[in-house]
Amino acid sequence: MQNNLYNTIYNPDVLSCIANLSNDEVFTPPNIANNMLDMLPQELFSDPNATFLDPACKSGVFLREIAKRLLKGLEKKIPDLQERTNHIFKKQLFGIAITELTSHLSRRSVYCSKTANGNYSVVDFDTVDGNIRLKSIEHVWHKGKCKFCGASKEMYNRGNELESHAYEFIHVVKPEEIFNMKFDVIVSNPPYQLSDGGNAASAIPIYQKFVIQAKNLNPRYLLMIIPARWYSGGRGLDAFRDVMLKDDSICKLVDYIDSEDCFPGVDVAGGICYFLRDSQYHGKCTVTTIQGDAKKEAVRNLSEFSTFIRHPIALSIVKKVLAERALSVSEIVSSQKPFGLRTYVKPDKRGDLVLRYNQGTGPFKRQNVLDKIEWIDRWKVIMSYLTADHAGRADSEGKRRIFSSLEILPPQYVCTETYIVVGVFKTKKEASNLVAYLKTMFARFLVAQIATTQHISKSSFAFVPMQDFSKPWADAELYKKYKLTKDEIAFIESMIKPME
């Protein structure tokens, strides 16, 4: 009776419903979990000695779907159903829940009972947890932040009645001691971020800490689904990106450009990806790019550039541009706070300069400019540091604008950090020609290969080549200069919308 209950196909599947809830801790739909498990060698599910760990259990979907495969795969080796069930759940499947709620949900999904020793559990465990544990862990505070995850003490140093989100897997020095065993497969959809106590929705990513800790356990196979913003951006992700792109054991990568194609109804800036790492494999990676109903596959060298370019045809275009060995426009773009003026800086009552800020313009005193004094008396091209698109998401026609604004500031004008300075010139003509260049679909397409989050920065222009700004530039001339094919031109124009 118990095993019949476990094998019943629910319609609708409750885990599919939960997966549609929007949260920083995004639940994995069962179909995506199975697509991920399909990437593993299927003989694993016929091996009675294979062990599986989900270090961030939410709904228990991975362990549940693995259990289904093992129940079928071990049928000949362990014919008795109850004996087979006991073996699978007690010796092969292990999980670490991330909250009290998800611990109950995971056990209910896997054991058919929120308590592993309950009357309705498919396996008779001696403990409430079974092999899906939840241990109360405290953050370790240092200078107002947790030294393990970076959580804000102000936000998360609270009573036991609230979740502290001190996830056990990333708050221990020796994760191998949690279960005192080695795992063949680690598979998970970890929490994505934690509020850092900053303004509004300011948050720090933490998913990379789960990936790093899982690699420390050295499983044969590592399979995780995480935000894709690590490809080119993301706060504090530079070192993680470098390690991931240089890891030639990552043999498969599935990239969802729009998160809603993976998690219906859930908006994750920059898209979603999942990857398979085989510790015994060394070579190129098979990359599958998914956008709507379109799916493309290519064998790639992930470490080819310092950022990951999603589309194979875009990779061809970037290679042609870089082959010219021209300087990058990033060489003339400012960092944040080009004049050292924060967003909240407002005009003075009187001043010999003009300040461009988020509400318009107003007088400003030259003595209050904190940086780049030498730029004040030149012509400047500025743009908003925020993209026109939502974190790389195309419009209803599948196209992106990229830049939300482009302006020319004359001499005696400065700006706050609401803007970045893209170029500084002696003449208005040169500034105007840079604006025309940046408005081309060619230039904005190259920025789009890096700008997959909400922000534009100096590094976003790394692929955009410098030009002679004594003359104007148009797309047709640029396509010809870089010898782009009709298919490459069509691809650019299918991705980027015209900018007046």
Protein backbone atom coordinates (compact mmCIF):
# COMPACT_ATOMS: atom_id res chain seq x y z
CA MET A 1 0.00 0.00 0.00
CA GLN A 2 2.76 2.41 0.98
CA ASN A 3 4.78 1.78 -2.18
CA ASN A 4 1.67 2.04 -4.34
CA LEU A 5 1.12 5.46 -2.78
CA TYR A 6 4.70 6.48 -3.57
CA ASN A 7 4.44 5.41 -7.21
CA THR A 8 1.09 7.09 -7.81
CA ILE A 9 1.23 9.77 -10.48
CA TYR A 10 -0.46 12.90 -9.06
CA ASN A 11 -2.35 15.16 -11.45
CA PRO A 12 -1.50 17.94 -11.10
CA ASP A 13 1.84 17.17 -9.49
CA VAL A 14 2.00 19.24 -6.31
CA LEU A 15 5.70 19.90 -6.92
CA SER A 16 4.86 21.43 -10.31
CA CYS A 17 2.48 23.82 -8.54
CA ILE A 18 5.06 24.76 -5.91
CA ALA A 19 7.67 25.31 -8.62
CA ASN A 20 5.58 28.20 -9.93
CA LEU A 21 5.99 30.19 -6.72
CA SER A 22 8.41 33.11 -7.05
CA ASN A 23 11.13 33.28 -4.41
CA ASP A 24 14.88 33.64 -4.09
CA GLU A 25 14.73 29.96 -3.21
CA VAL A 26 13.19 28.82 -6.49
CA PHE A 27 11.63 25.36 -6.51
CA THR A 28 12.58 23.04 -9.38
CA PRO A 29 9.76 21.74 -11.60
CA PRO A 30 9.77 17.92 -11.87
CA ASN A 31 10.26 18.02 -15.66
CA ILE A 32 13.41 20.14 -15.28
CA ALA A 33 14.70 17.85 -12.51
CA ASN A 34 14.26 14.88 -14.85
CA ASN A 35 15.92 16.70 -17.75
CA MET A 36 18.91 17.21 -15.47
CA LEU A 37 18.96 13.60 -14.29
CA ASP A 38 18.84 12.48 -17.93
CA MET A 39 22.31 14.01 -18.32
CA LEU A 40 23.81 11.46 -15.95
CA PRO A 41 24.95 8.00 -17.10
CA GLN A 42 21.75 6.00 -16.67
CA GLU A 43 23.58 2.91 -15.42
CA LEU A 44 23.94 4.78 -12.12
CA PHE A 45 20.31 3.99 -11.43
CA SER A 46 21.01 0.27 -11.66
CA ASP A 47 23.90 0.43 -9.23
CA PRO A 48 22.95 -0.51 -5.64
CA ASN A 49 26.14 1.14 -4.37
CA ALA A 50 25.64 4.53 -6.03
CA THR A 51 25.01 7.35 -3.54
CA PHE A 52 23.21 10.64 -4.13
CA LEU A 53 23.16 13.90 -2.14
CA ASP A 54 20.99 17.01 -2.44
CA PRO A 55 22.70 19.56 -0.14
CA ALA A 56 19.89 22.12 -0.48
CA CYS A 57 16.58 20.23 -0.35
CA LYS A 58 13.53 22.39 -0.96
CA SER A 59 10.74 20.26 -2.37
CA GLY A 60 12.68 16.99 -2.42
CA VAL A 61 12.06 16.69 -6.15
CA PHE A 62 15.56 15.48 -7.04
CA LEU A 63 15.58 12.72 -4.43
CA ARG A 64 12.04 11.72 -5.35
CA GLU A 65 12.81 11.41 -9.05
CA ILE A 66 16.08 9.56 -8.34
CA ALA A 67 14.13 7.17 -6.11
CA LYS A 68 11.72 6.41 -8.94
CA ARG A 69 14.61 5.57 -11.26
CA LEU A 70 16.34 3.41 -8.66
CA LEU A 71 13.16 1.52 -7.84
CA LYS A 72 12.95 0.52 -11.49
CA GLY A 73 16.70 0.12 -12.14
CA LEU A 74 17.31 -2.18 -9.14
CA GLU A 75 14.27 -4.37 -9.72
CA LYS A 76 16.30 -7.35 -10.93
CA LYS A 77 19.07 -7.02 -8.35
CA ILE A 78 16.69 -6.57 -5.40
CA PRO A 79 13.37 -8.18 -6.49
CA ASP A 80 11.48 -7.68 -3.21
CA LEU A 81 9.85 -4.25 -3.36
CA GLN A 82 10.05 -3.41 0.35
CA GLU A 83 13.63 -4.63 0.60
CA ARG A 84 14.52 -2.57 -2.45
CA THR A 85 12.75 0.50 -1.03
CA ASN A 86 14.55 0.15 2.31
CA HIS A 87 17.91 -0.18 0.58
CA ILE A 88 17.37 2.88 -1.65
CA PHE A 89 16.11 5.25 1.01
CA LYS A 90 18.45 4.17 3.80
CA LYS A 91 21.70 3.60 1.88
CA GLN A 92 21.56 5.60 -1.35
CA LEU A 93 19.57 8.83 -0.93
CA PHE A 94 20.63 11.71 1.33
CA GLY A 95 19.56 15.32 1.68
CA ILE A 96 20.15 18.48 3.70
CA ALA A 97 17.05 20.67 4.01
CA ILE A 98 17.43 24.45 3.99
CA THR A 99 14.48 25.40 6.25
CA GLU A 100 12.08 23.67 8.61
CA LEU A 101 9.27 23.99 6.07
CA THR A 102 11.31 22.50 3.24
CA SER A 103 12.47 19.67 5.51
CA HIS A 104 8.84 18.63 6.03
CA LEU A 105 8.05 19.13 2.35
CA SER A 106 11.08 17.13 1.21
CA ARG A 107 10.32 14.20 3.51
CA ARG A 108 6.70 14.27 2.42
CA SER A 109 7.81 14.14 -1.22
CA VAL A 110 10.38 11.39 -0.70
CA TYR A 111 9.07 9.30 2.21
CA CYS A 112 5.35 10.15 1.78
CA SER A 113 5.42 11.43 5.35
CA LYS A 114 6.74 14.67 6.87
CA THR A 115 8.42 12.51 9.51
CA ALA A 116 10.62 9.66 8.34
CA ASN A 117 9.42 7.42 11.19
CA GLY A 118 5.75 8.29 10.73
CA ASN A 119 2.95 5.78 10.15
CA TYR A 120 2.74 6.62 6.45
CA SER A 121 6.46 6.61 5.68
CA VAL A 122 7.41 4.19 2.91
CA VAL A 123 10.46 3.26 4.98
CA ASP A 124 10.63 2.60 8.72
CA PHE A 125 13.37 4.94 9.95
CA ASP A 126 14.36 5.20 13.60
CA THR A 127 14.46 9.01 13.50
CA VAL A 128 12.17 11.85 12.47
CA ASP A 129 14.68 13.10 9.88
CA GLY A 130 15.63 9.84 8.21
CA ASN A 131 18.31 10.74 5.67
CA ILE A 132 16.93 14.24 5.06
CA ARG A 133 18.40 16.24 7.90
CA LEU A 134 17.92 19.75 9.18
CA LYS A 135 20.42 20.94 11.74
CA SER A 136 20.20 24.28 13.49
CA ILE A 137 23.29 26.24 12.44
CA GLU A 138 24.27 29.74 13.50
CA HIS A 139 26.03 32.37 11.44
CA VAL A 140 29.57 33.25 12.50
CA TRP A 141 29.69 37.02 12.65
CA HIS A 142 32.75 39.09 11.81
CA LYS A 143 32.50 42.84 11.33
CA GLY A 144 28.75 42.64 10.80
CA LYS A 145 28.83 39.85 8.21
CA CYS A 146 28.79 36.06 8.38
CA LYS A 147 32.26 34.81 7.51
CA PHE A 148 30.80 31.78 5.71
CA CYS A 149 27.99 33.24 3.59
CA GLY A 150 28.29 37.04 3.92
CA ALA A 151 24.83 37.47 5.46
CA SER A 152 24.17 40.76 7.24
CA LYS A 153 24.17 40.50 11.04
CA GLU A 154 21.58 43.28 11.13
CA MET A 155 19.25 41.21 8.92
CA TYR A 156 19.80 37.66 10.17
CA ASN A 157 20.86 37.85 13.83
CA ARG A 158 17.34 37.15 15.07
CA GLY A 159 15.32 34.88 17.34
CA ASN A 160 14.63 31.19 16.84
CA GLU A 161 11.06 31.95 15.74
CA LEU A 162 12.42 33.10 12.35
CA GLU A 163 14.60 31.26 9.86
CA SER A 164 18.22 32.39 10.03
CA HIS A 165 19.06 30.97 6.58
CA ALA A 166 22.38 29.70 7.91
CA TYR A 167 22.51 26.75 5.53
CA GLU A 168 24.43 23.84 7.02
CA PHE A 169 26.21 22.77 3.83
CA ILE A 170 28.04 26.08 3.41
CA HIS A 171 28.53 26.83 7.12
CA VAL A 172 30.90 23.99 7.92
CA VAL A 173 34.61 23.69 7.26
CA LYS A 174 34.47 19.93 6.63
CA PRO A 175 31.26 19.10 4.71
CA GLU A 176 32.41 15.49 4.34
CA GLU A 177 31.69 15.02 8.05
CA ILE A 178 27.97 15.82 7.71
CA PHE A 179 27.15 12.26 6.67
CA ASN A 180 30.65 10.80 7.00
CA MET A 181 30.54 9.29 3.53
CA LYS A 182 31.52 9.96 -0.08
CA PHE A 183 28.88 10.62 -2.71
CA ASP A 184 28.89 9.58 -6.34
CA VAL A 185 26.41 12.27 -7.35
CA ILE A 186 25.63 15.68 -5.86
CA VAL A 187 22.58 17.31 -7.44
CA SER A 188 20.81 20.46 -6.28
CA ASN A 189 19.08 23.76 -6.90
CA PRO A 190 20.66 25.89 -4.15
CA PRO A 191 19.35 29.18 -2.73
CA TYR A 192 20.33 32.02 -5.02
CA GLN A 193 20.90 35.07 -2.82
CA LEU A 194 20.65 36.68 0.62
CA SER A 195 19.77 40.23 1.51
CA ASP A 196 22.91 42.07 2.61
CA GLY A 197 21.18 44.78 4.61
CA GLY A 198 21.73 47.39 1.92
CA ASN A 199 19.21 49.68 0.24
CA ALA A 200 15.99 48.33 -1.24
CA ALA A 201 16.49 44.83 -2.66
CA SER A 202 20.27 44.78 -2.30
CA ALA A 203 21.46 41.17 -2.06
CA ILE A 204 24.55 39.02 -2.40
CA PRO A 205 24.65 35.79 -4.43
CA ILE A 206 25.27 32.60 -2.45
CA TYR A 207 24.62 29.86 -5.03
CA GLN A 208 28.30 29.85 -5.98
CA LYS A 209 29.19 28.83 -2.40
CA PHE A 210 27.12 25.65 -2.79
CA VAL A 211 28.89 24.84 -6.06
CA ILE A 212 32.33 25.38 -4.53
CA GLN A 213 31.50 23.35 -1.41
CA ALA A 214 30.08 20.52 -3.52
CA LYS A 215 33.29 20.44 -5.58
CA ASN A 216 35.23 20.21 -2.32
CA LEU A 217 33.47 16.88 -1.67
CA ASN A 218 34.86 15.62 -5.02
CA PRO A 219 31.84 13.64 -6.25
CA ARG A 220 32.17 11.78 -9.51
CA TYR A 221 29.25 13.83 -10.87
CA LEU A 222 28.08 17.32 -9.87
CA LEU A 223 24.78 18.54 -11.29
CA MET A 224 23.43 21.96 -10.29
CA ILE A 225 20.93 24.51 -11.56
CA ILE A 226 21.86 28.14 -10.83
CA PRO A 227 21.38 31.69 -12.17
CA ALA A 228 23.35 32.33 -15.36
CA ARG A 229 24.48 35.84 -14.45
CA TRP A 230 27.88 34.43 -13.46
CA TYR A 231 28.70 34.23 -17.20
CA SER A 232 29.74 37.87 -17.34
CA GLY A 233 28.55 39.77 -14.27
CA GLY A 234 27.25 39.36 -10.77
CA ARG A 235 28.39 40.88 -7.54
CA GLY A 236 31.44 39.12 -6.13
CA LEU A 237 31.39 36.44 -8.83
CA ASP A 238 34.60 37.28 -10.72
CA ALA A 239 36.68 34.54 -9.07
CA PHE A 240 33.85 32.02 -9.38
CA ARG A 241 33.43 32.83 -13.09
CA ASP A 242 37.14 32.36 -13.69
CA VAL A 243 37.14 28.97 -11.96
CA MET A 244 34.01 27.77 -13.79
CA LEU A 245 35.20 28.81 -17.24
CA LYS A 246 38.57 27.12 -16.71
CA ASP A 247 37.03 23.90 -15.35
CA ASP A 248 37.37 21.45 -18.25
CA SER A 249 35.48 18.79 -16.26
CA ILE A 250 32.21 20.62 -16.99
CA CYS A 251 31.05 18.46 -19.86
CA LYS A 252 27.48 19.73 -20.36
CA LEU A 253 25.86 23.14 -19.93
CA VAL A 254 22.20 23.93 -20.61
CA ASP A 255 21.51 27.67 -20.87
CA TYR A 256 18.04 29.24 -20.60
CA ILE A 257 18.32 32.85 -21.76
CA ASP A 258 14.88 33.63 -20.30
CA SER A 259 14.34 32.14 -16.83
CA GLU A 260 10.62 31.72 -17.50
CA ASP A 261 11.40 29.08 -20.12
CA CYS A 262 12.83 27.03 -17.25
CA PHE A 263 10.83 28.24 -14.24
CA PRO A 264 7.39 29.35 -15.48
CA GLY A 265 6.34 32.60 -13.86
CA VAL A 266 9.70 33.17 -12.15
CA ASP A 267 11.89 36.09 -13.19
CA VAL A 268 15.59 35.47 -12.54
CA ALA A 269 17.72 38.27 -13.97
CA GLY A 270 20.17 37.02 -16.60
CA GLY A 271 18.51 33.64 -17.11
CA ILE A 272 19.11 30.16 -15.69
CA CYS A 273 21.56 27.38 -16.43
CA TYR A 274 22.34 23.90 -15.24
CA PHE A 275 25.56 22.01 -15.74
CA LEU A 276 27.06 18.54 -15.36
CA ARG A 277 30.58 18.19 -14.04
CA ASP A 278 32.28 14.80 -14.44
CA SER A 279 35.45 14.75 -12.34
CA GLN A 280 36.99 12.13 -14.64
CA TYR A 281 36.29 14.08 -17.85
CA HIS A 282 38.62 16.68 -19.34
CA GLY A 283 37.76 18.40 -22.60
CA LYS A 284 35.30 20.71 -24.31
CA CYS A 285 31.74 21.32 -23.15
CA THR A 286 28.50 20.57 -24.99
CA VAL A 287 26.45 23.76 -24.65
CA THR A 288 22.70 23.75 -25.29
CA THR A 289 21.14 27.21 -25.64
CA ILE A 290 17.36 27.46 -25.18
CA GLN A 291 15.25 30.50 -25.98
CA GLY A 292 11.52 29.93 -26.26
CA ASP A 293 10.98 26.99 -28.58
CA ALA A 294 14.43 27.35 -30.18
CA LYS A 295 17.21 25.04 -29.06
CA LYS A 296 20.80 25.08 -30.36
CA GLU A 297 23.72 22.87 -29.45
CA ALA A 298 27.44 23.41 -29.88
CA VAL A 299 30.68 21.97 -28.53
CA ARG A 300 32.55 24.82 -26.89
CA ASN A 301 35.75 25.69 -25.07
CA LEU A 302 34.38 27.55 -22.04
CA SER A 303 37.69 29.26 -21.27
CA GLU A 304 38.01 30.92 -24.67
CA PHE A 305 37.15 34.34 -23.23
CA SER A 306 36.99 35.83 -19.75
CA THR A 307 33.20 35.90 -20.11
CA PHE A 308 30.86 33.28 -21.58
CA ILE A 309 29.20 34.13 -24.91
CA ARG A 310 25.85 32.39 -25.11
CA HIS A 311 25.11 32.06 -28.86
CA PRO A 312 27.52 30.18 -31.18
CA ILE A 313 26.89 32.65 -34.01
CA ALA A 314 27.62 35.53 -31.62
CA LEU A 315 30.90 33.81 -30.82
CA SER A 316 31.77 33.86 -34.52
CA ILE A 317 31.05 37.60 -34.71
CA VAL A 318 33.12 38.41 -31.61
CA LYS A 319 36.06 36.41 -32.99
CA LYS A 320 35.99 38.41 -36.22
CA VAL A 321 35.95 41.68 -34.30
CA LEU A 322 38.76 40.71 -31.95
CA ALA A 323 40.87 39.43 -34.85
CA GLU A 324 41.38 43.08 -35.89
CA ARG A 325 43.27 43.61 -32.60
CA ALA A 326 41.86 47.11 -32.12
CA LEU A 327 41.70 48.78 -28.73
CA SER A 328 38.43 48.32 -26.88
CA VAL A 329 35.99 51.14 -26.15
CA SER A 330 36.24 49.98 -22.53
CA GLU A 331 39.61 51.80 -22.49
CA ILE A 332 37.83 55.18 -22.60
CA VAL A 333 34.80 54.34 -20.42
CA SER A 334 34.77 55.59 -16.84
CA SER A 335 34.33 53.47 -13.77
CA GLN A 336 31.37 54.09 -11.46
CA LYS A 337 31.14 57.60 -9.94
CA PRO A 338 33.01 59.25 -12.84
CA PHE A 339 33.28 62.57 -10.99
CA GLY A 340 33.17 61.04 -7.51
CA LEU A 341 29.58 62.24 -7.04
CA ARG A 342 27.10 59.80 -5.48
CA THR A 343 23.52 59.42 -6.72
CA TYR A 344 22.14 61.48 -3.85
CA VAL A 345 24.26 64.56 -4.69
CA LYS A 346 22.01 67.46 -5.69
CA PRO A 347 22.66 70.86 -7.33
CA ASP A 348 23.95 73.79 -5.31
CA LYS A 349 22.10 77.08 -5.06
CA ARG A 350 24.85 78.66 -7.11
CA GLY A 351 27.78 77.32 -9.06
CA ASP A 352 30.07 77.79 -12.05
CA LEU A 353 29.23 74.29 -13.43
CA VAL A 354 26.07 72.37 -14.34
CA LEU A 355 25.25 69.05 -12.64
CA ARG A 356 23.40 66.33 -14.56
CA TYR A 357 21.60 64.18 -12.00
CA ASN A 358 18.65 61.80 -11.98
CA GLN A 359 16.05 64.57 -11.84
CA GLY A 360 17.52 66.92 -14.42
CA THR A 361 20.20 69.61 -14.24
CA GLY A 362 21.18 72.38 -11.87
CA PRO A 363 24.10 74.59 -10.79
CA PHE A 364 27.12 73.03 -9.14
CA LYS A 365 30.39 74.27 -7.67
CA ARG A 366 33.63 73.20 -9.33
CA GLN A 367 35.30 72.78 -5.93
CA ASN A 368 32.82 70.01 -5.07
CA VAL A 369 33.88 67.79 -7.97
CA LEU A 370 35.91 64.98 -6.41
CA ASP A 371 37.42 63.19 -9.42
CA LYS A 372 38.33 63.58 -13.11
CA ILE A 373 38.76 67.34 -12.85
CA GLU A 374 40.49 67.26 -16.24
CA TRP A 375 37.23 66.14 -17.90
CA ILE A 376 35.19 69.13 -16.80
CA ASP A 377 36.15 71.39 -19.70
CA ARG A 378 35.71 68.75 -22.41
CA TRP A 379 32.81 67.26 -24.36
CA LYS A 380 31.52 64.09 -22.67
CA VAL A 381 29.27 61.25 -23.79
CA ILE A 382 27.26 59.83 -20.88
CA MET A 383 24.69 57.08 -20.46
CA SER A 384 22.60 55.67 -17.63
CA TYR A 385 24.30 52.82 -15.79
CA LEU A 386 20.97 50.94 -15.98
CA THR A 387 20.08 49.03 -19.13
CA ALA A 388 16.90 49.73 -21.06
CA ASP A 389 15.99 46.04 -20.82
CA HIS A 390 15.26 44.05 -17.70
CA ALA A 391 18.53 42.20 -17.08
CA GLY A 392 19.04 40.97 -20.59
CA ARG A 393 15.40 40.17 -21.31
CA ALA A 394 14.20 40.92 -24.83
CA ASP A 395 10.94 42.67 -25.67
CA SER A 396 7.85 41.00 -27.14
CA GLU A 397 9.59 40.88 -30.54
CA GLY A 398 12.65 39.17 -29.07
CA LYS A 399 14.85 42.27 -29.40
CA ARG A 400 16.90 44.36 -26.96
CA ARG A 401 17.67 48.08 -26.91
CA ILE A 402 20.53 47.79 -24.34
CA PHE A 403 21.14 51.50 -23.62
CA SER A 404 18.38 53.44 -21.90
CA SER A 405 19.92 56.86 -22.64
CA LEU A 406 22.82 58.48 -24.46
CA GLU A 407 23.62 62.17 -23.95
CA ILE A 408 26.33 64.66 -24.77
CA LEU A 409 27.47 66.91 -21.94
CA PRO A 410 29.24 70.10 -23.07
CA PRO A 411 32.19 71.64 -21.22
CA GLN A 412 31.45 72.83 -17.66
CA TYR A 413 28.97 69.95 -17.16
CA VAL A 414 29.46 67.03 -14.75
CA CYS A 415 27.25 64.14 -13.66
CA THR A 416 26.45 61.93 -10.67
CA GLU A 417 26.98 58.17 -10.55
CA THR A 418 23.53 57.73 -12.10
CA TYR A 419 25.56 57.92 -15.31
CA ILE A 420 28.84 56.61 -16.62
CA VAL A 421 31.06 58.58 -18.99
CA VAL A 422 31.64 56.62 -22.20
CA GLY A 423 34.08 59.01 -23.82
CA VAL A 424 35.71 62.43 -23.42
CA PHE A 425 36.67 64.61 -26.40
CA LYS A 426 37.99 68.02 -27.36
CA THR A 427 35.23 68.60 -29.95
CA LYS A 428 31.47 68.15 -30.11
CA LYS A 429 31.88 66.43 -33.48
CA GLU A 430 33.88 63.57 -31.98
CA ALA A 431 31.36 63.17 -29.17
CA SER A 432 28.50 63.11 -31.67
CA ASN A 433 30.26 60.46 -33.76
CA LEU A 434 30.73 58.26 -30.68
CA VAL A 435 27.01 58.58 -29.92
CA ALA A 436 26.18 57.56 -33.49
CA TYR A 437 28.53 54.58 -33.19
CA LEU A 438 27.03 53.42 -29.90
CA LYS A 439 23.55 53.64 -31.40
CA THR A 440 24.46 51.14 -34.13
CA MET A 441 23.06 47.66 -33.75
CA PHE A 442 26.61 46.36 -34.25
CA ALA A 443 28.02 48.12 -31.16
CA ARG A 444 25.03 47.41 -28.95
CA PHE A 445 25.05 43.75 -29.96
CA LEU A 446 28.63 43.44 -28.76
CA VAL A 447 27.71 45.06 -25.43
CA ALA A 448 24.77 42.66 -25.15
CA GLN A 449 27.15 39.69 -25.12
CA ILE A 450 28.37 40.86 -21.72
CA ALA A 451 25.55 42.99 -20.28
CA THR A 452 23.20 40.23 -19.10
CA THR A 453 22.26 41.95 -15.83
CA GLN A 454 20.58 45.27 -15.05
CA HIS A 455 23.76 47.33 -15.09
CA ILE A 456 26.12 48.78 -17.68
CA SER A 457 29.74 49.11 -16.60
CA LYS A 458 33.19 49.69 -18.05
CA SER A 459 33.64 45.95 -18.62
CA SER A 460 30.43 45.79 -20.69
CA PHE A 461 32.33 47.39 -23.61
CA ALA A 462 35.17 44.85 -23.70
CA PHE A 463 34.16 43.49 -27.14
CA VAL A 464 33.35 46.88 -28.72
CA PRO A 465 36.29 48.02 -30.89
CA MET A 466 37.51 51.61 -30.98
CA GLN A 467 36.93 53.56 -34.20
CA ASP A 468 38.13 56.80 -35.72
CA PHE A 469 35.63 59.26 -34.25
CA SER A 470 36.60 62.06 -36.58
CA LYS A 471 33.93 60.52 -38.84
CA PRO A 472 30.45 59.04 -38.27
CA TRP A 473 29.79 55.28 -38.38
CA ALA A 474 26.77 53.28 -39.54
CA ASP A 475 25.90 49.60 -39.40
CA ALA A 476 26.42 48.89 -43.11
CA GLU A 477 29.99 50.21 -42.98
CA LEU A 478 30.75 48.24 -39.79
CA TYR A 479 29.33 45.01 -41.20
CA LYS A 480 31.58 45.42 -44.22
CA LYS A 481 34.66 46.35 -42.17
CA TYR A 482 34.42 43.19 -40.06
CA LYS A 483 33.39 40.94 -42.99
CA LEU A 484 30.17 39.74 -41.41
CA THR A 485 28.10 37.23 -43.37
CA LYS A 486 24.44 37.65 -44.25
CA ASP A 487 23.52 35.16 -41.51
CA GLU A 488 25.59 37.05 -38.93
CA ILE A 489 24.04 40.37 -39.94
CA ALA A 490 20.57 38.85 -39.80
CA PHE A 491 21.31 37.47 -36.33
CA ILE A 492 22.41 40.88 -35.03
CA GLU A 493 19.34 42.56 -36.45
CA SER A 494 17.06 39.87 -35.04
CA MET A 495 18.46 40.51 -31.55
CA ILE A 496 18.84 44.30 -31.42
CA LYS A 497 16.15 46.91 -32.01
CA PRO A 498 16.93 50.19 -33.81
CA MET A 499 17.74 53.14 -31.57
CA GLU A 500 16.67 56.58 -32.72
